[in-house]
Amino acid sequence: MLKDMSIKEKYKFIVIDDHPLIRDGIVNFIGANENFEFIGEFSDTRSVLNSFFPGRPDVIILDLNLPGIDGEKSCPLLKQKFPKCKIVAFTHYEGRGKELRESGFDGYVVKSERDLLIEALLTVLDGREYFKNNNAIADIIPTALNKIDSYLKIKSLTPREIEVAKYIIQDFSNREIGEKISIAESTVETHRKHIKEKLGAKNKRDLYAVLRNYEM
């Protein structure tokens, strides 16, 4: 959970980027936010690994194109030095969400969308991932495929099953659904069973995932 800033200290952050002007821009932008405290800037990862400075960072903003150890190889090394620290990639490269997630990054923002940095930092500090990149087609494709898959599955439902499914996603019970569409509670249960089978849902969570991925 995010810290209560009225009680606890601010989030400490460091910046690793080999361009001084970019580092200055990040430091000024993030440092102006009341949630964050700047504790260090570095031009390469090795300097961070060999440095000892007061306070341990809560989050690191890391460029990918660095001298010596590049950003992707830096991530696991920095995680080893600062086990509880979150790391957000800040780079010109687009469409890298999947591989950066696999490399251990907690978030990813392209430099052309610098205004998203605060949102990204607060998101990862809250224990969630942040790989939003509207310009990256590689990050858009999985979502589109999921929606197509959901569409095809839902097209296999009968009109009555679709009607029942609309109520299921709203968390109505079998009895409540039966009352709304004037059918027996046992019939609703049969429809629910058929819906789960057709959508390939093993449990309630799977069922909701498919239904909510497609606006009926």
N, C-alpha and C. Protein backbone atom coordinates (compact mmCIF):
# COMPACT_ATOMS: atom_id res chain seq x y z
N MET A 1 0.85 -1.19 0.00
CA MET A 1 0.00 0.00 0.00
C MET A 1 0.88 1.24 0.00
N LEU A 2 0.35 2.34 -0.58
CA LEU A 2 1.10 3.58 -0.60
C LEU A 2 1.25 4.12 0.81
N LYS A 3 2.35 4.81 1.03
CA LYS A 3 2.61 5.37 2.35
C LYS A 3 1.64 6.50 2.66
N ASP A 4 1.34 6.68 3.94
CA ASP A 4 0.58 7.84 4.40
C ASP A 4 1.57 8.96 4.58
N MET A 5 1.60 9.92 3.65
CA MET A 5 2.62 10.95 3.67
C MET A 5 2.48 11.91 4.84
N SER A 6 1.33 11.88 5.52
CA SER A 6 1.17 12.75 6.69
C SER A 6 1.89 12.17 7.90
N ILE A 7 2.27 10.87 7.81
CA ILE A 7 2.90 10.20 8.93
C ILE A 7 4.31 9.76 8.59
N LYS A 8 4.49 9.13 7.42
CA LYS A 8 5.78 8.57 7.06
C LYS A 8 6.53 9.48 6.11
N GLU A 9 7.81 9.19 5.95
CA GLU A 9 8.65 9.99 5.07
C GLU A 9 8.29 9.78 3.61
N LYS A 10 8.81 10.66 2.77
CA LYS A 10 8.52 10.58 1.34
C LYS A 10 9.23 9.39 0.71
N TYR A 11 8.78 9.03 -0.50
CA TYR A 11 9.45 7.98 -1.25
C TYR A 11 10.78 8.51 -1.78
N LYS A 12 11.84 7.76 -1.55
CA LYS A 12 13.16 8.16 -2.01
C LYS A 12 13.40 7.59 -3.42
N PHE A 13 13.92 8.41 -4.32
CA PHE A 13 14.17 7.94 -5.67
C PHE A 13 15.55 8.35 -6.16
N ILE A 14 16.10 7.52 -7.06
CA ILE A 14 17.34 7.86 -7.75
C ILE A 14 17.11 7.73 -9.25
N VAL A 15 17.95 8.40 -10.02
CA VAL A 15 17.84 8.41 -11.47
C VAL A 15 19.15 7.90 -12.07
N ILE A 16 19.06 6.97 -13.02
CA ILE A 16 20.24 6.48 -13.74
C ILE A 16 20.03 6.75 -15.22
N ASP A 17 20.78 7.71 -15.74
CA ASP A 17 20.69 8.10 -17.16
C ASP A 17 22.00 8.77 -17.53
N ASP A 18 22.53 8.46 -18.71
CA ASP A 18 23.83 9.01 -19.07
C ASP A 18 23.77 10.41 -19.66
N HIS A 19 22.57 10.99 -19.79
CA HIS A 19 22.44 12.34 -20.31
C HIS A 19 22.11 13.31 -19.16
N PRO A 20 23.02 14.23 -18.85
CA PRO A 20 22.81 15.17 -17.73
C PRO A 20 21.52 15.98 -17.83
N LEU A 21 21.17 16.43 -19.02
CA LEU A 21 19.97 17.25 -19.17
C LEU A 21 18.71 16.44 -18.86
N ILE A 22 18.71 15.17 -19.28
CA ILE A 22 17.56 14.31 -18.99
C ILE A 22 17.47 14.04 -17.49
N ARG A 23 18.62 13.77 -16.88
CA ARG A 23 18.62 13.56 -15.42
C ARG A 23 18.07 14.77 -14.70
N ASP A 24 18.54 15.96 -15.10
CA ASP A 24 18.06 17.19 -14.46
C ASP A 24 16.55 17.35 -14.63
N GLY A 25 16.06 17.03 -15.84
CA GLY A 25 14.63 17.16 -16.09
C GLY A 25 13.81 16.23 -15.22
N ILE A 26 14.28 14.99 -15.09
CA ILE A 26 13.56 14.01 -14.26
C ILE A 26 13.58 14.43 -12.80
N VAL A 27 14.77 14.82 -12.33
CA VAL A 27 14.91 15.21 -10.92
C VAL A 27 13.99 16.38 -10.59
N ASN A 28 13.95 17.38 -11.46
CA ASN A 28 13.11 18.55 -11.20
C ASN A 28 11.63 18.19 -11.26
N PHE A 29 11.27 17.33 -12.23
CA PHE A 29 9.87 16.96 -12.40
C PHE A 29 9.37 16.11 -11.23
N ILE A 30 10.10 15.05 -10.90
CA ILE A 30 9.67 14.15 -9.82
C ILE A 30 9.87 14.81 -8.46
N GLY A 31 10.99 15.52 -8.32
CA GLY A 31 11.28 16.16 -7.03
C GLY A 31 10.28 17.22 -6.63
N ALA A 32 9.58 17.80 -7.61
CA ALA A 32 8.58 18.83 -7.31
C ALA A 32 7.30 18.24 -6.74
N ASN A 33 7.16 16.91 -6.85
CA ASN A 33 5.97 16.25 -6.32
C ASN A 33 6.15 16.00 -4.83
N GLU A 34 5.13 16.27 -4.06
CA GLU A 34 5.22 16.17 -2.60
C GLU A 34 5.42 14.75 -2.08
N ASN A 35 5.21 13.75 -2.93
CA ASN A 35 5.36 12.36 -2.50
C ASN A 35 6.79 11.84 -2.56
N PHE A 36 7.69 12.59 -3.23
CA PHE A 36 9.01 12.05 -3.52
C PHE A 36 10.16 12.91 -2.99
N GLU A 37 11.25 12.20 -2.68
CA GLU A 37 12.48 12.85 -2.22
C GLU A 37 13.66 12.32 -3.05
N PHE A 38 14.37 13.21 -3.70
CA PHE A 38 15.51 12.86 -4.54
C PHE A 38 16.73 12.57 -3.67
N ILE A 39 17.40 11.41 -3.89
CA ILE A 39 18.59 11.09 -3.10
C ILE A 39 19.82 10.77 -3.94
N GLY A 40 19.70 10.79 -5.28
CA GLY A 40 20.91 10.53 -6.06
C GLY A 40 20.67 10.41 -7.55
N GLU A 41 21.68 10.83 -8.34
CA GLU A 41 21.62 10.66 -9.80
C GLU A 41 22.94 10.10 -10.28
N PHE A 42 22.88 9.22 -11.29
CA PHE A 42 24.07 8.52 -11.76
C PHE A 42 24.02 8.39 -13.27
N SER A 43 25.20 8.34 -13.89
CA SER A 43 25.28 8.23 -15.35
C SER A 43 25.41 6.78 -15.80
N ASP A 44 25.65 5.85 -14.86
CA ASP A 44 25.77 4.43 -15.20
C ASP A 44 25.44 3.59 -13.98
N THR A 45 25.14 2.33 -14.23
CA THR A 45 24.71 1.44 -13.15
C THR A 45 25.85 1.06 -12.22
N ARG A 46 27.04 0.88 -12.77
CA ARG A 46 28.17 0.47 -11.94
C ARG A 46 28.43 1.46 -10.81
N SER A 47 28.22 2.75 -11.10
CA SER A 47 28.41 3.78 -10.06
C SER A 47 27.44 3.58 -8.91
N VAL A 48 26.22 3.14 -9.23
CA VAL A 48 25.23 2.90 -8.18
C VAL A 48 25.62 1.67 -7.37
N LEU A 49 26.03 0.62 -8.05
CA LEU A 49 26.38 -0.62 -7.37
C LEU A 49 27.58 -0.44 -6.44
N ASN A 50 28.47 0.50 -6.79
CA ASN A 50 29.67 0.73 -5.98
C ASN A 50 29.52 1.89 -5.00
N SER A 51 28.35 2.49 -4.96
CA SER A 51 28.14 3.67 -4.11
C SER A 51 27.48 3.32 -2.79
N PHE A 52 27.79 4.12 -1.80
CA PHE A 52 27.16 4.02 -0.49
C PHE A 52 26.65 5.41 -0.15
N PHE A 53 25.34 5.55 -0.06
CA PHE A 53 24.78 6.86 0.23
C PHE A 53 23.66 6.71 1.24
N PRO A 54 23.38 7.77 2.01
CA PRO A 54 22.36 7.68 3.06
C PRO A 54 20.97 7.43 2.48
N GLY A 55 20.23 6.54 3.11
CA GLY A 55 18.89 6.23 2.63
C GLY A 55 18.92 5.23 1.50
N ARG A 56 17.98 4.34 1.47
CA ARG A 56 17.88 3.36 0.38
C ARG A 56 16.71 3.76 -0.50
N PRO A 57 16.88 3.68 -1.82
CA PRO A 57 15.81 4.13 -2.71
C PRO A 57 14.58 3.22 -2.65
N ASP A 58 13.42 3.85 -2.73
CA ASP A 58 12.17 3.10 -2.85
C ASP A 58 11.91 2.77 -4.31
N VAL A 59 12.42 3.64 -5.20
CA VAL A 59 12.18 3.44 -6.62
C VAL A 59 13.35 4.01 -7.42
N ILE A 60 13.70 3.32 -8.51
CA ILE A 60 14.78 3.77 -9.40
C ILE A 60 14.20 4.01 -10.79
N ILE A 61 14.54 5.15 -11.38
CA ILE A 61 14.16 5.47 -12.75
C ILE A 61 15.39 5.17 -13.60
N LEU A 62 15.28 4.19 -14.50
CA LEU A 62 16.44 3.63 -15.17
C LEU A 62 16.34 3.71 -16.69
N ASP A 63 17.34 4.33 -17.32
CA ASP A 63 17.42 4.35 -18.78
C ASP A 63 17.90 2.97 -19.25
N LEU A 64 17.59 2.61 -20.48
CA LEU A 64 18.02 1.32 -21.01
C LEU A 64 19.36 1.40 -21.73
N ASN A 65 19.60 2.52 -22.41
CA ASN A 65 20.82 2.68 -23.20
C ASN A 65 21.90 3.35 -22.34
N LEU A 66 22.66 2.53 -21.62
CA LEU A 66 23.66 3.04 -20.68
C LEU A 66 25.05 2.52 -21.04
N PRO A 67 26.09 3.28 -20.71
CA PRO A 67 27.46 2.78 -20.91
C PRO A 67 27.77 1.67 -19.91
N GLY A 68 28.61 0.72 -20.32
CA GLY A 68 28.95 -0.38 -19.42
C GLY A 68 27.85 -1.40 -19.36
N ILE A 69 27.11 -1.45 -18.26
CA ILE A 69 26.01 -2.40 -18.08
C ILE A 69 24.73 -1.76 -18.58
N ASP A 70 24.09 -2.35 -19.59
CA ASP A 70 22.88 -1.73 -20.12
C ASP A 70 21.71 -1.90 -19.14
N GLY A 71 20.62 -1.21 -19.45
CA GLY A 71 19.49 -1.16 -18.53
C GLY A 71 18.89 -2.51 -18.20
N GLU A 72 18.70 -3.37 -19.21
CA GLU A 72 18.08 -4.67 -18.95
C GLU A 72 18.94 -5.54 -18.05
N LYS A 73 20.26 -5.52 -18.27
CA LYS A 73 21.16 -6.29 -17.42
C LYS A 73 21.31 -5.65 -16.04
N SER A 74 21.07 -4.33 -15.99
CA SER A 74 21.20 -3.61 -14.72
C SER A 74 20.09 -3.96 -13.74
N CYS A 75 18.89 -4.22 -14.28
CA CYS A 75 17.73 -4.41 -13.42
C CYS A 75 17.93 -5.49 -12.36
N PRO A 76 18.32 -6.73 -12.72
CA PRO A 76 18.50 -7.75 -11.68
C PRO A 76 19.62 -7.42 -10.70
N LEU A 77 20.65 -6.72 -11.17
CA LEU A 77 21.76 -6.34 -10.28
C LEU A 77 21.30 -5.30 -9.26
N LEU A 78 20.49 -4.36 -9.71
CA LEU A 78 19.97 -3.34 -8.80
C LEU A 78 18.97 -3.94 -7.81
N LYS A 79 18.19 -4.91 -8.28
CA LYS A 79 17.24 -5.59 -7.40
C LYS A 79 17.98 -6.38 -6.31
N GLN A 80 19.16 -6.89 -6.68
CA GLN A 80 19.96 -7.64 -5.71
C GLN A 80 20.51 -6.70 -4.64
N LYS A 81 20.93 -5.49 -5.04
CA LYS A 81 21.47 -4.52 -4.10
C LYS A 81 20.36 -3.89 -3.25
N PHE A 82 19.19 -3.66 -3.89
CA PHE A 82 18.06 -3.04 -3.20
C PHE A 82 16.83 -3.94 -3.38
N PRO A 83 16.73 -5.01 -2.61
CA PRO A 83 15.67 -6.02 -2.79
C PRO A 83 14.24 -5.48 -2.77
N LYS A 84 13.99 -4.44 -1.99
CA LYS A 84 12.63 -3.93 -1.87
C LYS A 84 12.34 -2.78 -2.83
N CYS A 85 13.32 -2.42 -3.62
CA CYS A 85 13.18 -1.27 -4.51
C CYS A 85 12.41 -1.61 -5.79
N LYS A 86 11.60 -0.69 -6.26
CA LYS A 86 10.90 -0.82 -7.54
C LYS A 86 11.74 -0.15 -8.62
N ILE A 87 11.69 -0.70 -9.84
CA ILE A 87 12.48 -0.14 -10.94
C ILE A 87 11.58 0.12 -12.14
N VAL A 88 11.63 1.37 -12.61
CA VAL A 88 10.83 1.78 -13.77
C VAL A 88 11.78 2.16 -14.91
N ALA A 89 11.61 1.52 -16.06
CA ALA A 89 12.40 1.85 -17.24
C ALA A 89 11.88 3.16 -17.84
N PHE A 90 12.80 4.06 -18.18
CA PHE A 90 12.43 5.33 -18.80
C PHE A 90 13.31 5.47 -20.03
N THR A 91 12.75 5.25 -21.22
CA THR A 91 13.56 5.08 -22.41
C THR A 91 12.86 5.60 -23.66
N HIS A 92 13.65 5.81 -24.72
CA HIS A 92 13.10 6.21 -26.01
C HIS A 92 12.48 5.01 -26.74
N TYR A 93 12.88 3.80 -26.37
CA TYR A 93 12.44 2.60 -27.08
C TYR A 93 10.99 2.27 -26.80
N GLU A 94 10.21 2.04 -27.85
CA GLU A 94 8.81 1.66 -27.70
C GLU A 94 8.64 0.17 -27.96
N GLY A 95 7.51 -0.37 -27.51
CA GLY A 95 7.20 -1.77 -27.76
C GLY A 95 8.06 -2.74 -27.00
N ARG A 96 8.55 -2.36 -25.81
CA ARG A 96 9.44 -3.24 -25.06
C ARG A 96 8.79 -3.79 -23.79
N GLY A 97 7.49 -3.57 -23.63
CA GLY A 97 6.83 -3.97 -22.40
C GLY A 97 7.03 -5.41 -22.00
N LYS A 98 6.81 -6.34 -22.94
CA LYS A 98 6.88 -7.77 -22.62
C LYS A 98 8.27 -8.17 -22.14
N GLU A 99 9.32 -7.79 -22.88
CA GLU A 99 10.67 -8.20 -22.49
C GLU A 99 11.14 -7.50 -21.22
N LEU A 100 10.71 -6.27 -21.00
CA LEU A 100 11.11 -5.56 -19.79
C LEU A 100 10.45 -6.20 -18.56
N ARG A 101 9.21 -6.60 -18.71
CA ARG A 101 8.54 -7.31 -17.61
C ARG A 101 9.29 -8.59 -17.28
N GLU A 102 9.70 -9.32 -18.31
CA GLU A 102 10.44 -10.57 -18.11
C GLU A 102 11.81 -10.33 -17.50
N SER A 103 12.38 -9.13 -17.71
CA SER A 103 13.69 -8.81 -17.16
C SER A 103 13.62 -8.37 -15.71
N GLY A 104 12.39 -8.20 -15.19
CA GLY A 104 12.23 -7.87 -13.78
C GLY A 104 11.81 -6.45 -13.49
N PHE A 105 11.59 -5.65 -14.54
CA PHE A 105 11.14 -4.28 -14.32
C PHE A 105 9.73 -4.26 -13.76
N ASP A 106 9.45 -3.25 -12.94
CA ASP A 106 8.11 -3.09 -12.38
C ASP A 106 7.24 -2.18 -13.23
N GLY A 107 7.89 -1.35 -14.06
CA GLY A 107 7.14 -0.42 -14.90
C GLY A 107 7.97 0.06 -16.07
N TYR A 108 7.31 0.76 -16.99
CA TYR A 108 7.94 1.14 -18.25
C TYR A 108 7.23 2.37 -18.81
N VAL A 109 8.00 3.44 -19.04
CA VAL A 109 7.45 4.67 -19.62
C VAL A 109 8.40 5.14 -20.72
N VAL A 110 7.84 5.49 -21.89
CA VAL A 110 8.69 6.03 -22.95
C VAL A 110 8.90 7.52 -22.70
N LYS A 111 10.07 8.04 -23.10
CA LYS A 111 10.44 9.42 -22.78
C LYS A 111 9.53 10.45 -23.43
N SER A 112 8.87 10.07 -24.52
CA SER A 112 7.94 11.00 -25.15
C SER A 112 6.67 11.18 -24.32
N GLU A 113 6.48 10.34 -23.30
CA GLU A 113 5.31 10.42 -22.42
C GLU A 113 5.74 10.66 -20.98
N ARG A 114 6.65 11.61 -20.80
CA ARG A 114 7.22 11.87 -19.48
C ARG A 114 6.17 12.18 -18.43
N ASP A 115 5.06 12.78 -18.85
CA ASP A 115 4.01 13.15 -17.89
C ASP A 115 3.41 11.94 -17.18
N LEU A 116 3.66 10.74 -17.71
CA LEU A 116 3.12 9.53 -17.08
C LEU A 116 4.02 9.01 -15.95
N LEU A 117 5.18 9.63 -15.77
CA LEU A 117 6.14 9.11 -14.79
C LEU A 117 5.59 9.07 -13.36
N ILE A 118 4.96 10.14 -12.93
CA ILE A 118 4.42 10.17 -11.56
C ILE A 118 3.40 9.05 -11.37
N GLU A 119 2.50 8.92 -12.34
CA GLU A 119 1.50 7.84 -12.28
C GLU A 119 2.17 6.48 -12.23
N ALA A 120 3.22 6.30 -13.04
CA ALA A 120 3.93 5.02 -13.07
C ALA A 120 4.60 4.73 -11.74
N LEU A 121 5.26 5.72 -11.17
CA LEU A 121 5.97 5.51 -9.90
C LEU A 121 5.01 5.17 -8.77
N LEU A 122 3.92 5.91 -8.68
CA LEU A 122 2.95 5.63 -7.61
C LEU A 122 2.28 4.27 -7.79
N THR A 123 2.10 3.87 -9.05
CA THR A 123 1.50 2.56 -9.32
C THR A 123 2.40 1.42 -8.85
N VAL A 124 3.68 1.47 -9.22
CA VAL A 124 4.58 0.38 -8.82
C VAL A 124 4.83 0.39 -7.32
N LEU A 125 4.84 1.57 -6.72
CA LEU A 125 5.03 1.65 -5.27
C LEU A 125 3.82 1.12 -4.51
N ASP A 126 2.70 1.04 -5.20
CA ASP A 126 1.49 0.46 -4.61
C ASP A 126 1.42 -1.04 -4.85
N GLY A 127 2.52 -1.61 -5.41
CA GLY A 127 2.59 -3.06 -5.59
C GLY A 127 2.03 -3.57 -6.90
N ARG A 128 1.74 -2.67 -7.85
CA ARG A 128 1.21 -3.08 -9.14
C ARG A 128 2.21 -2.79 -10.26
N GLU A 129 2.02 -3.44 -11.40
CA GLU A 129 2.89 -3.18 -12.55
C GLU A 129 2.38 -1.99 -13.34
N TYR A 130 3.29 -1.38 -14.12
CA TYR A 130 2.89 -0.27 -14.98
C TYR A 130 3.61 -0.41 -16.32
N PHE A 131 2.89 -0.91 -17.31
CA PHE A 131 3.46 -1.09 -18.64
C PHE A 131 2.55 -0.47 -19.70
N LYS A 132 1.95 0.66 -19.36
CA LYS A 132 1.09 1.36 -20.29
C LYS A 132 1.95 2.08 -21.33
N ASN A 133 1.64 1.82 -22.60
CA ASN A 133 2.37 2.48 -23.69
C ASN A 133 1.47 2.51 -24.91
N ASN A 134 0.70 3.58 -25.06
CA ASN A 134 -0.29 3.65 -26.12
C ASN A 134 0.31 3.67 -27.52
N ASN A 135 1.60 3.96 -27.60
CA ASN A 135 2.24 4.03 -28.92
C ASN A 135 2.84 2.70 -29.35
N ALA A 136 2.86 1.74 -28.46
CA ALA A 136 3.55 0.47 -28.76
C ALA A 136 2.58 -0.59 -29.22
N ILE A 137 2.63 -0.94 -30.49
CA ILE A 137 1.71 -1.92 -31.05
C ILE A 137 1.90 -3.28 -30.41
N ALA A 138 3.14 -3.59 -29.97
CA ALA A 138 3.41 -4.89 -29.35
C ALA A 138 2.67 -5.04 -28.03
N ASP A 139 2.40 -3.91 -27.35
CA ASP A 139 1.67 -3.97 -26.09
C ASP A 139 0.17 -3.97 -26.31
N ILE A 140 -0.27 -3.54 -27.50
CA ILE A 140 -1.70 -3.47 -27.79
C ILE A 140 -2.24 -4.81 -28.28
N ILE A 141 -1.43 -5.54 -29.04
CA ILE A 141 -1.88 -6.78 -29.67
C ILE A 141 -2.47 -7.80 -28.69
N PRO A 142 -1.80 -8.10 -27.54
CA PRO A 142 -2.38 -9.10 -26.62
C PRO A 142 -3.78 -8.73 -26.17
N THR A 143 -4.01 -7.43 -25.88
CA THR A 143 -5.33 -6.99 -25.45
C THR A 143 -6.36 -7.20 -26.55
N ALA A 144 -5.98 -6.87 -27.78
CA ALA A 144 -6.89 -7.03 -28.91
C ALA A 144 -7.23 -8.50 -29.13
N LEU A 145 -6.23 -9.37 -29.02
CA LEU A 145 -6.47 -10.80 -29.21
C LEU A 145 -7.38 -11.35 -28.13
N ASN A 146 -7.21 -10.88 -26.90
CA ASN A 146 -8.07 -11.33 -25.81
C ASN A 146 -9.52 -10.94 -26.08
N LYS A 147 -9.72 -9.74 -26.61
CA LYS A 147 -11.08 -9.29 -26.88
C LYS A 147 -11.70 -10.09 -28.03
N ILE A 148 -10.91 -10.40 -29.04
CA ILE A 148 -11.41 -11.21 -30.15
C ILE A 148 -11.81 -12.60 -29.66
N ASP A 149 -10.96 -13.20 -28.81
CA ASP A 149 -11.24 -14.52 -28.27
C ASP A 149 -12.53 -14.49 -27.45
N SER A 150 -12.68 -13.44 -26.64
CA SER A 150 -13.89 -13.31 -25.84
C SER A 150 -15.12 -13.15 -26.72
N TYR A 151 -14.97 -12.37 -27.78
CA TYR A 151 -16.09 -12.15 -28.71
C TYR A 151 -16.56 -13.46 -29.33
N LEU A 152 -15.60 -14.27 -29.79
CA LEU A 152 -15.95 -15.53 -30.44
C LEU A 152 -16.62 -16.49 -29.46
N LYS A 153 -16.15 -16.51 -28.24
CA LYS A 153 -16.74 -17.39 -27.24
C LYS A 153 -18.17 -16.95 -26.90
N ILE A 154 -18.35 -15.65 -26.72
CA ILE A 154 -19.66 -15.15 -26.34
C ILE A 154 -20.67 -15.28 -27.48
N LYS A 155 -20.19 -15.26 -28.73
CA LYS A 155 -21.08 -15.46 -29.88
C LYS A 155 -21.70 -16.85 -29.88
N SER A 156 -21.08 -17.78 -29.13
CA SER A 156 -21.61 -19.15 -29.08
C SER A 156 -22.77 -19.26 -28.08
N LEU A 157 -23.02 -18.23 -27.31
CA LEU A 157 -24.11 -18.27 -26.33
C LEU A 157 -25.45 -18.02 -26.99
N THR A 158 -26.50 -18.61 -26.43
CA THR A 158 -27.85 -18.35 -26.91
C THR A 158 -28.31 -16.99 -26.36
N PRO A 159 -29.38 -16.41 -26.94
CA PRO A 159 -29.89 -15.13 -26.44
C PRO A 159 -30.24 -15.20 -24.94
N ARG A 160 -30.81 -16.32 -24.50
CA ARG A 160 -31.16 -16.44 -23.08
C ARG A 160 -29.90 -16.52 -22.22
N GLU A 161 -28.89 -17.24 -22.70
CA GLU A 161 -27.63 -17.35 -21.94
C GLU A 161 -26.94 -15.99 -21.85
N ILE A 162 -27.02 -15.21 -22.91
CA ILE A 162 -26.44 -13.86 -22.86
C ILE A 162 -27.19 -13.01 -21.84
N GLU A 163 -28.50 -13.16 -21.80
CA GLU A 163 -29.30 -12.41 -20.84
C GLU A 163 -28.91 -12.78 -19.41
N VAL A 164 -28.74 -14.09 -19.16
CA VAL A 164 -28.32 -14.55 -17.84
C VAL A 164 -26.90 -14.07 -17.53
N ALA A 165 -26.03 -14.12 -18.54
CA ALA A 165 -24.64 -13.69 -18.35
C ALA A 165 -24.54 -12.24 -17.93
N LYS A 166 -25.42 -11.39 -18.48
CA LYS A 166 -25.40 -9.97 -18.12
C LYS A 166 -25.67 -9.78 -16.63
N TYR A 167 -26.52 -10.62 -16.08
CA TYR A 167 -26.81 -10.53 -14.65
C TYR A 167 -25.71 -11.17 -13.80
N ILE A 168 -25.12 -12.23 -14.34
CA ILE A 168 -24.02 -12.88 -13.60
C ILE A 168 -22.89 -11.89 -13.35
N ILE A 169 -22.54 -11.13 -14.39
CA ILE A 169 -21.43 -10.20 -14.26
C ILE A 169 -21.74 -9.06 -13.29
N GLN A 170 -23.02 -8.88 -13.00
CA GLN A 170 -23.43 -7.86 -12.02
C GLN A 170 -23.58 -8.46 -10.61
N ASP A 171 -23.15 -9.73 -10.48
CA ASP A 171 -23.15 -10.41 -9.17
C ASP A 171 -24.53 -10.73 -8.61
N PHE A 172 -25.53 -10.88 -9.49
CA PHE A 172 -26.84 -11.32 -9.02
C PHE A 172 -26.81 -12.82 -8.77
N SER A 173 -27.55 -13.26 -7.76
CA SER A 173 -27.63 -14.69 -7.45
C SER A 173 -28.58 -15.37 -8.43
N ASN A 174 -28.56 -16.72 -8.43
CA ASN A 174 -29.48 -17.47 -9.30
C ASN A 174 -30.93 -17.12 -9.02
N ARG A 175 -31.26 -17.01 -7.75
CA ARG A 175 -32.64 -16.67 -7.39
C ARG A 175 -33.02 -15.29 -7.91
N GLU A 176 -32.13 -14.32 -7.75
CA GLU A 176 -32.42 -12.95 -8.20
C GLU A 176 -32.54 -12.88 -9.72
N ILE A 177 -31.67 -13.64 -10.41
CA ILE A 177 -31.74 -13.65 -11.87
C ILE A 177 -33.06 -14.27 -12.33
N GLY A 178 -33.45 -15.39 -11.68
CA GLY A 178 -34.70 -16.05 -12.02
C GLY A 178 -35.89 -15.12 -11.86
N GLU A 179 -35.89 -14.32 -10.78
CA GLU A 179 -36.98 -13.39 -10.55
C GLU A 179 -37.03 -12.29 -11.60
N LYS A 180 -35.85 -11.85 -12.05
CA LYS A 180 -35.78 -10.76 -13.03
C LYS A 180 -36.26 -11.18 -14.41
N ILE A 181 -35.98 -12.44 -14.79
CA ILE A 181 -36.36 -12.86 -16.15
C ILE A 181 -37.44 -13.94 -16.14
N SER A 182 -38.03 -14.13 -14.95
CA SER A 182 -39.20 -15.02 -14.82
C SER A 182 -38.94 -16.46 -15.24
N ILE A 183 -37.83 -17.03 -14.71
CA ILE A 183 -37.57 -18.45 -14.91
C ILE A 183 -37.18 -19.05 -13.57
N ALA A 184 -37.21 -20.38 -13.49
CA ALA A 184 -36.90 -21.06 -12.23
C ALA A 184 -35.43 -20.90 -11.87
N GLU A 185 -35.16 -20.92 -10.58
CA GLU A 185 -33.78 -20.81 -10.10
C GLU A 185 -32.92 -21.95 -10.63
N SER A 186 -33.51 -23.16 -10.73
CA SER A 186 -32.77 -24.32 -11.24
C SER A 186 -32.42 -24.13 -12.72
N THR A 187 -33.30 -23.45 -13.45
CA THR A 187 -33.03 -23.18 -14.87
C THR A 187 -31.88 -22.21 -15.01
N VAL A 188 -31.82 -21.23 -14.12
CA VAL A 188 -30.71 -20.27 -14.13
C VAL A 188 -29.40 -21.01 -13.88
N GLU A 189 -29.43 -21.95 -12.94
CA GLU A 189 -28.23 -22.72 -12.63
C GLU A 189 -27.78 -23.52 -13.85
N THR A 190 -28.75 -24.09 -14.60
CA THR A 190 -28.41 -24.83 -15.83
C THR A 190 -27.78 -23.90 -16.85
N HIS A 191 -28.36 -22.71 -17.02
CA HIS A 191 -27.80 -21.73 -17.96
C HIS A 191 -26.38 -21.33 -17.54
N ARG A 192 -26.20 -21.13 -16.23
CA ARG A 192 -24.88 -20.74 -15.73
C ARG A 192 -23.85 -21.82 -16.05
N LYS A 193 -24.24 -23.09 -15.90
CA LYS A 193 -23.35 -24.20 -16.19
C LYS A 193 -22.97 -24.22 -17.67
N HIS A 194 -23.96 -24.03 -18.55
CA HIS A 194 -23.70 -24.03 -19.98
C HIS A 194 -22.82 -22.85 -20.39
N ILE A 195 -23.05 -21.70 -19.77
CA ILE A 195 -22.25 -20.50 -20.06
C ILE A 195 -20.78 -20.76 -19.72
N LYS A 196 -20.55 -21.34 -18.55
CA LYS A 196 -19.17 -21.63 -18.13
C LYS A 196 -18.50 -22.62 -19.08
N GLU A 197 -19.25 -23.63 -19.52
CA GLU A 197 -18.70 -24.63 -20.43
C GLU A 197 -18.34 -24.00 -21.78
N LYS A 198 -19.23 -23.18 -22.32
CA LYS A 198 -19.00 -22.57 -23.63
C LYS A 198 -17.86 -21.55 -23.60
N LEU A 199 -17.72 -20.87 -22.48
CA LEU A 199 -16.67 -19.85 -22.37
C LEU A 199 -15.35 -20.41 -21.87
N GLY A 200 -15.35 -21.70 -21.54
CA GLY A 200 -14.11 -22.32 -21.07
C GLY A 200 -13.70 -21.82 -19.70
N ALA A 201 -14.67 -21.47 -18.88
CA ALA A 201 -14.39 -20.92 -17.55
C ALA A 201 -14.46 -22.03 -16.50
N LYS A 202 -13.36 -22.24 -15.78
CA LYS A 202 -13.31 -23.28 -14.76
C LYS A 202 -13.92 -22.82 -13.44
N ASN A 203 -13.91 -21.52 -13.22
CA ASN A 203 -14.44 -20.99 -11.96
C ASN A 203 -15.05 -19.61 -12.20
N LYS A 204 -15.54 -19.02 -11.14
CA LYS A 204 -16.21 -17.73 -11.24
C LYS A 204 -15.27 -16.64 -11.74
N ARG A 205 -14.01 -16.69 -11.30
CA ARG A 205 -13.03 -15.68 -11.72
C ARG A 205 -12.80 -15.74 -13.23
N ASP A 206 -12.67 -16.97 -13.77
CA ASP A 206 -12.48 -17.13 -15.22
C ASP A 206 -13.69 -16.60 -15.98
N LEU A 207 -14.86 -16.90 -15.46
CA LEU A 207 -16.10 -16.48 -16.12
C LEU A 207 -16.16 -14.96 -16.19
N TYR A 208 -15.87 -14.30 -15.10
CA TYR A 208 -15.90 -12.84 -15.07
C TYR A 208 -14.87 -12.24 -16.00
N ALA A 209 -13.69 -12.88 -16.08
CA ALA A 209 -12.61 -12.36 -16.93
C ALA A 209 -13.05 -12.32 -18.39
N VAL A 210 -13.73 -13.38 -18.85
CA VAL A 210 -14.19 -13.42 -20.24
C VAL A 210 -15.32 -12.42 -20.46
N LEU A 211 -16.29 -12.41 -19.55
CA LEU A 211 -17.45 -11.54 -19.71
C LEU A 211 -17.06 -10.07 -19.66
N ARG A 212 -16.15 -9.71 -18.77
CA ARG A 212 -15.77 -8.32 -18.63
C ARG A 212 -14.83 -7.85 -19.72
N ASN A 213 -14.26 -8.79 -20.45
CA ASN A 213 -13.37 -8.43 -21.55
C ASN A 213 -14.16 -8.14 -22.83
N TYR A 214 -15.46 -8.38 -22.75
CA TYR A 214 -16.31 -8.16 -23.92
C TYR A 214 -17.58 -7.45 -23.48
N GLU A 215 -17.83 -6.28 -24.00
CA GLU A 215 -19.00 -5.50 -23.60
C GLU A 215 -20.21 -6.02 -24.34
N MET A 216 -21.10 -6.66 -23.61
CA MET A 216 -22.30 -7.24 -24.23
C MET A 216 -23.39 -6.18 -24.34
